[in-house]
Amino acid sequence: MENLIYTTTKKYNFHTKASVEYLNLEGAFDIETTSTYTKKGKKFSFMYLWGFGLGEHGDFLTYGRTWDEFKEMLEEVSNELNIHINRRLVIYVHNLGYEFQFMRKLFEWDTVFSIDERKPIKALTTGGIEFRDSYILSGYNLESLASNLVNHKNKKMVGDLDYKLIRHHKTEITDEELKYMENDVTIILNYINEQLEQYGNITKIPLTNTGRVREYVKHKCYYTEGKSKYKSSKSKQNNYRFIMDNLTLKPDEYIKLKRTFMGGFTHSNPIHTDKVLKDVNSIDFTSSYPSVMIAEQFPMGTGFTPTKEDILKNGYDYYLNNFCCMLNVSVQNLKNVFIYDSYLSESKCKIEGEKLITNGRVFNAEYLNTYMTDVDYSIFKRCYSWDRIEIHDLICYPKGYLPKPIIESILALYQDKTTLKGVKGKEVEYLLSKGMLNSIYGMTVTDIVKDEITYKDEWGQEQVSIEEEIERYNSKKSRFLFYPWGVWVTAYARRNLWLGILAIKEDYIYSDTDSIKFFNYSKHEKFIEGYNNLVINKQLKTLDYYNINPELLSPKTVKGTAKPLGVWDFEGLYSRFKTLGAKRYLVEEDNKLYLTVAGLSKMNGINYMIKQCNNDFTKVFEMFTDDLKIPKENTGKNTHTYIDDEITDTIIDYQGKSEVITSVSGIHLESAQYSLSISDYFVKFYTMLQNGYTLKGDK
């Protein structure tokens, strides 16, 4: 380890009230495991090979076969580098949750920080070894991570290990298998090296990909050039702390906002479902969520409930037109009048009596109650009719544009993403801006109230007080976001998507969050142009309000092509297209087939189908039906089973070597068959609708 070159950085720990020293040194760890069954038929999994590296190029690179060897090696490294609880070595693991399940009973843990049960992103031993998750930091699997490295040329080796073969720590490992392990460790080391170059020291590298954009935007809100930007401002409009102090929530209000929140809309037109369609066009929004964050107005004040007297005096429309409104709606005898799709999600509704549900969407309902925003309500009225409707529990927020620093952050990231793509020497900046722009919406809907995930020998949860968490949220001095913003971001994006669906009507085939597949592009070109002009003008109005350069809305690529933000962009023309419902479609484009099915590997699924059909694309489309089944050896999909009890058994490897193996815990992986499984009810519904009939509904 004498070849290792590193510096150290001290970071103050507010919990222990002491400074902690970190080594600015690349560290990586990876394991290979076997999943099998015991003689009594119990699922059994264990590690048979580990790899560990330090330094940018694996200046210290070693491997071992048992956990005892790994612990001994870590002890030697700790002694050599003087590692302890206040002088830490960070080791990155790609998907820490997997390795942690195998080793969680082998170390004494000081703290484990998790985003969910069994999903740790940081785990600190009492000896000062801090494991972190490089997968959640990067957002890429190892293969994609390797291809996105800028200063290192590295490729993920694929296919060198046959995981079906049973191996244990006495199995002879080939040079090729060791090279596979070494390569995986080196990819992580190279990636962390690039992160160190970008952030300066290891304490500044965020834990998650979303953490990058949070820190970036928060700094824009409160600081400029390292100095306080808004804290000391005497102008209330520019004082960000003043803005946040006036954006507070009540506990019951937060619960209602959670009920109101919906994500992206994904569905198919039942009339065009399960048909092979020709000459299908596809359009998508350029950065849909960032665009609405600039173009639209959001809750910019504390919510209030109008009195019954005020509602009688002003009418509901006054509030719906002049405020951001959250409302509870009860409807008697709800009926779909659009027929080409259904707006409401069954999971967000309380339904009684007869109902007609199409692939998770509400077509008809005898009685329905749900929460929605004013934006949702504007689309809801165009899609349904009813005998009686009542609005309850109206909460109104003063509306306004998002704060200027957030608008500036979005524009800066979009500018970099567009102008730096393909520019030599700017690969790091491009990838960073692309990832951050994609994450900027997500930070606005992070749960405020979430049970705390704990780990002390076993996983657990500590229920938190909603009242205490909301109070903490309201009073937090570093807060720069308001949860209702995220609720309205998706509402505006859904409305924009539905403006297209409603305009395209019978030519509409399929939609997914920010894209639409449809017939007859030229017929709808006028709508697309009109919408694009509308959204550009909305964004220009925001920029004019804040005195921001309007040219930032339409940056140019390296080839000089302008890329306006938020507009419908032509994505492609498919010679053939077939959908079987949400997240299930098959495309032929430029003599190539592309399959999208939720839960199924795109490449594995389509490759199997092409092979089964002897490369006959017509037969592939015929094979793509509601009873499609992909054998487990062809799906690339695994069933995960967590094993928490210690197991000891005699295992014979594929080379015939017998060995007694003990594993204190692990994860058993087994190939899983994929069945498309569309509900019979949905099949019956779209079949009858295509023949001019509709079902009455079920109770």
Foldseek 3Di string as FASTA:
>chain_A
DVPDDWDKDWDQDPVVRHIAIETQKAKEKDFDKAWDAFPVGHIDMATQKMWIAIHLQRPPIDMAGDVVVVVVVVVVVCVVVVFAQRYAYEYEYAQVLFVCQQCVLVFAWPFFAAPDVSGTQWTAGRGRYIYGHPCQAQVDDLQVLQVLQDPDRAGQDPDQDDNNFDDHNPDDDDPSNVVNNSRSRNSSSNSSVVVCVVQVGDVRRDRGLLVVLVVVLLCLLAHDPPHGFQCPDPDCLNNLLNQLLFFADALVRVVLLVLAFDFFDWKWFLLFALDKDFWKFKKFAFLQLLLCLQQDKFFRGYKDDDDPVVCVVQPPVVQLVFFWKKWKKKFAWKAFPQNRDADAFPVSKDADDFFAAAQRGGHTGRMIIGMYISLSVVVSVVTIDGDDMDIPDMMTGGIDRQRPSLNVLLLVLVQLLAAVVPPPPCSVVNSSSVSSNVSVLVVLQDDQADWGWGDDPRIDTHHDDSRVSSVCQSPPSSDRHHNRVSRVSRSVQNSLVVVVCSQQRPQWTIDIRTMTMGPDCVVCVVVQVVVQVVSLVSSVVSCVVVVHDSCSQWHAYNVGHTDGHTGIDTDAIFRIKHANIGQFIWTHDPNDIWTTHPQFDGVLVVVVLCVVVVNDVVVSSVQRDQFRKDDLVRGPGKDKDWFQAKDWHWDQTPVRDIDIDIGRIRIRIDRDMDTNHDDPSNVVASVQVNVPDGDPGDD
